[in-house]
Amino acid sequence: MSVINKIVLSMALIRIFSGSIEIMAGLLMLRYNQIEKALLVNSGLALVGPFVLLTTTTIGLVGMADKLSAGKMLWVLVGVSCIFIGILKK
């Protein structure tokens, strides 16, 4: 029997929690059955998504910090920055 890595467990639990929030939001949209309220719920989800991405990525990078060279770590940070620029730019 293998032992689950604490870093992987943390990342997975955050994603499971995030998915649960998404499901609850969908159910709230159905319950309210109003476009305005559905947009409001959806806007709240727009705040959760980037936070979850940043948190899980940070945990993963901390877990791999001893295995990545400085150059590779820089490339990962540039990539994550590009994702956030793409998400946040209008």
C-alpha atoms as a PDB file:
ATOM      1  CA  MET A   1       0.000   0.000   0.000  1.00  0.00           C
ATOM      2  CA  SER A   2       1.444   3.359  -0.993  1.00  0.00           C
ATOM      3  CA  VAL A   3       1.356   6.483   1.143  1.00  0.00           C
ATOM      4  CA  ILE A   4      -0.190   9.593  -0.377  1.00  0.00           C
ATOM      5  CA  ASN A   5       2.178  12.531  -0.655  1.00  0.00           C
ATOM      6  CA  LYS A   6       1.078  15.442   1.584  1.00  0.00           C
ATOM      7  CA  ILE A   7       1.600  17.977  -1.203  1.00  0.00           C
ATOM      8  CA  VAL A   8      -0.509  15.961  -3.649  1.00  0.00           C
ATOM      9  CA  LEU A   9      -3.186  15.435  -0.995  1.00  0.00           C
ATOM     10  CA  SER A  10      -3.329  19.181  -0.295  1.00  0.00           C
ATOM     11  CA  MET A  11      -3.632  20.023  -3.987  1.00  0.00           C
ATOM     12  CA  ALA A  12      -6.326  17.389  -4.521  1.00  0.00           C
ATOM     13  CA  LEU A  13      -8.374  18.491  -1.508  1.00  0.00           C
ATOM     14  CA  ILE A  14      -8.315  22.112  -2.666  1.00  0.00           C
ATOM     15  CA  ARG A  15      -9.513  21.021  -6.129  1.00  0.00           C
ATOM     16  CA  ILE A  16     -12.251  18.837  -4.612  1.00  0.00           C
ATOM     17  CA  PHE A  17     -13.370  21.771  -2.465  1.00  0.00           C
ATOM     18  CA  SER A  18     -13.329  24.028  -5.520  1.00  0.00           C
ATOM     19  CA  GLY A  19     -15.399  21.532  -7.488  1.00  0.00           C
ATOM     20  CA  SER A  20     -17.903  21.361  -4.645  1.00  0.00           C
ATOM     21  CA  ILE A  21     -18.235  25.141  -4.747  1.00  0.00           C
ATOM     22  CA  GLU A  22     -18.879  24.945  -8.511  1.00  0.00           C
ATOM     23  CA  ILE A  23     -21.609  22.341  -8.028  1.00  0.00           C
ATOM     24  CA  MET A  24     -23.246  24.363  -5.255  1.00  0.00           C
ATOM     25  CA  ALA A  25     -23.154  27.461  -7.463  1.00  0.00           C
ATOM     26  CA  GLY A  26     -24.878  25.579 -10.277  1.00  0.00           C
ATOM     27  CA  LEU A  27     -27.561  24.389  -7.885  1.00  0.00           C
ATOM     28  CA  LEU A  28     -28.044  27.942  -6.587  1.00  0.00           C
ATOM     29  CA  MET A  29     -28.496  29.181 -10.151  1.00  0.00           C
ATOM     30  CA  LEU A  30     -31.175  26.560 -10.733  1.00  0.00           C
ATOM     31  CA  ARG A  31     -32.886  27.338  -7.448  1.00  0.00           C
ATOM     32  CA  TYR A  32     -33.035  31.108  -8.009  1.00  0.00           C
ATOM     33  CA  ASN A  33     -34.031  30.639 -11.665  1.00  0.00           C
ATOM     34  CA  GLN A  34     -33.281  34.308 -12.434  1.00  0.00           C
ATOM     35  CA  ILE A  35     -30.697  35.566 -14.902  1.00  0.00           C
ATOM     36  CA  GLU A  36     -29.559  38.423 -12.647  1.00  0.00           C
ATOM     37  CA  LYS A  37     -28.946  36.147  -9.666  1.00  0.00           C
ATOM     38  CA  ALA A  38     -27.276  33.513 -11.853  1.00  0.00           C
ATOM     39  CA  LEU A  39     -24.866  36.175 -13.139  1.00  0.00           C
ATOM     40  CA  LEU A  40     -24.155  37.259  -9.582  1.00  0.00           C
ATOM     41  CA  VAL A  41     -23.344  33.681  -8.537  1.00  0.00           C
ATOM     42  CA  ASN A  42     -21.221  33.252 -11.665  1.00  0.00           C
ATOM     43  CA  SER A  43     -19.285  36.429 -10.854  1.00  0.00           C
ATOM     44  CA  GLY A  44     -18.455  35.003  -7.440  1.00  0.00           C
ATOM     45  CA  LEU A  45     -17.054  31.913  -9.129  1.00  0.00           C
ATOM     46  CA  ALA A  46     -14.809  34.115 -11.254  1.00  0.00           C
ATOM     47  CA  LEU A  47     -13.043  35.104  -8.044  1.00  0.00           C
ATOM     48  CA  VAL A  48     -12.687  31.540  -6.754  1.00  0.00           C
ATOM     49  CA  GLY A  49     -11.116  30.040  -9.899  1.00  0.00           C
ATOM     50  CA  PRO A  50      -7.909  32.120 -10.056  1.00  0.00           C
ATOM     51  CA  PHE A  51      -7.429  31.806  -6.297  1.00  0.00           C
ATOM     52  CA  VAL A  52      -7.632  28.010  -6.512  1.00  0.00           C
ATOM     53  CA  LEU A  53      -5.228  27.976  -9.480  1.00  0.00           C
ATOM     54  CA  LEU A  54      -2.720  30.157  -7.650  1.00  0.00           C
ATOM     55  CA  THR A  55      -2.987  28.173  -4.426  1.00  0.00           C
ATOM     56  CA  THR A  56      -2.592  24.724  -5.987  1.00  0.00           C
ATOM     57  CA  THR A  57       0.243  25.913  -8.228  1.00  0.00           C
ATOM     58  CA  THR A  58       2.052  27.472  -5.263  1.00  0.00           C
ATOM     59  CA  ILE A  59       1.717  24.308  -3.198  1.00  0.00           C
ATOM     60  CA  GLY A  60       3.003  22.239  -6.114  1.00  0.00           C
ATOM     61  CA  LEU A  61       5.960  24.543  -6.703  1.00  0.00           C
ATOM     62  CA  VAL A  62       6.879  24.523  -3.026  1.00  0.00           C
ATOM     63  CA  GLY A  63       6.819  20.738  -3.144  1.00  0.00           C
ATOM     64  CA  MET A  64       9.073  20.679  -6.217  1.00  0.00           C
ATOM     65  CA  ALA A  65      11.370  23.550  -5.250  1.00  0.00           C
ATOM     66  CA  ASP A  66      14.254  21.235  -4.400  1.00  0.00           C
ATOM     67  CA  LYS A  67      13.907  19.366  -7.729  1.00  0.00           C
ATOM     68  CA  LEU A  68      13.719  22.336 -10.110  1.00  0.00           C
ATOM     69  CA  SER A  69      16.634  24.440 -11.244  1.00  0.00           C
ATOM     70  CA  ALA A  70      16.341  28.212 -10.971  1.00  0.00           C
ATOM     71  CA  GLY A  71      15.860  28.460 -14.755  1.00  0.00           C
ATOM     72  CA  LYS A  72      13.000  25.966 -14.791  1.00  0.00           C
ATOM     73  CA  MET A  73      11.378  27.647 -11.801  1.00  0.00           C
ATOM     74  CA  LEU A  74      11.554  30.955 -13.661  1.00  0.00           C
ATOM     75  CA  TRP A  75       9.849  29.406 -16.720  1.00  0.00           C
ATOM     76  CA  VAL A  76       7.067  28.025 -14.526  1.00  0.00           C
ATOM     77  CA  LEU A  77       6.536  31.433 -12.902  1.00  0.00           C
ATOM     78  CA  VAL A  78       6.492  33.124 -16.327  1.00  0.00           C
ATOM     79  CA  GLY A  79       3.889  30.608 -17.498  1.00  0.00           C
ATOM     80  CA  VAL A  80       1.667  31.140 -14.463  1.00  0.00           C
ATOM     81  CA  SER A  81       2.015  34.900 -14.911  1.00  0.00           C
ATOM     82  CA  CYS A  82       0.890  34.572 -18.537  1.00  0.00           C
ATOM     83  CA  ILE A  83      -2.163  32.620 -17.432  1.00  0.00           C
ATOM     84  CA  PHE A  84      -3.119  35.319 -14.954  1.00  0.00           C
ATOM     85  CA  ILE A  85      -2.540  38.115 -17.465  1.00  0.00           C
ATOM     86  CA  GLY A  86      -4.788  36.266 -19.910  1.00  0.00           C
ATOM     87  CA  ILE A  87      -7.498  35.750 -17.284  1.00  0.00           C
ATOM     88  CA  LEU A  88      -7.450  39.236 -15.812  1.00  0.00           C
ATOM     89  CA  LYS A  89      -7.000  41.335 -18.976  1.00  0.00           C
ATOM     90  CA  LYS A  90     -10.172  42.643 -20.532  1.00  0.00           C
END
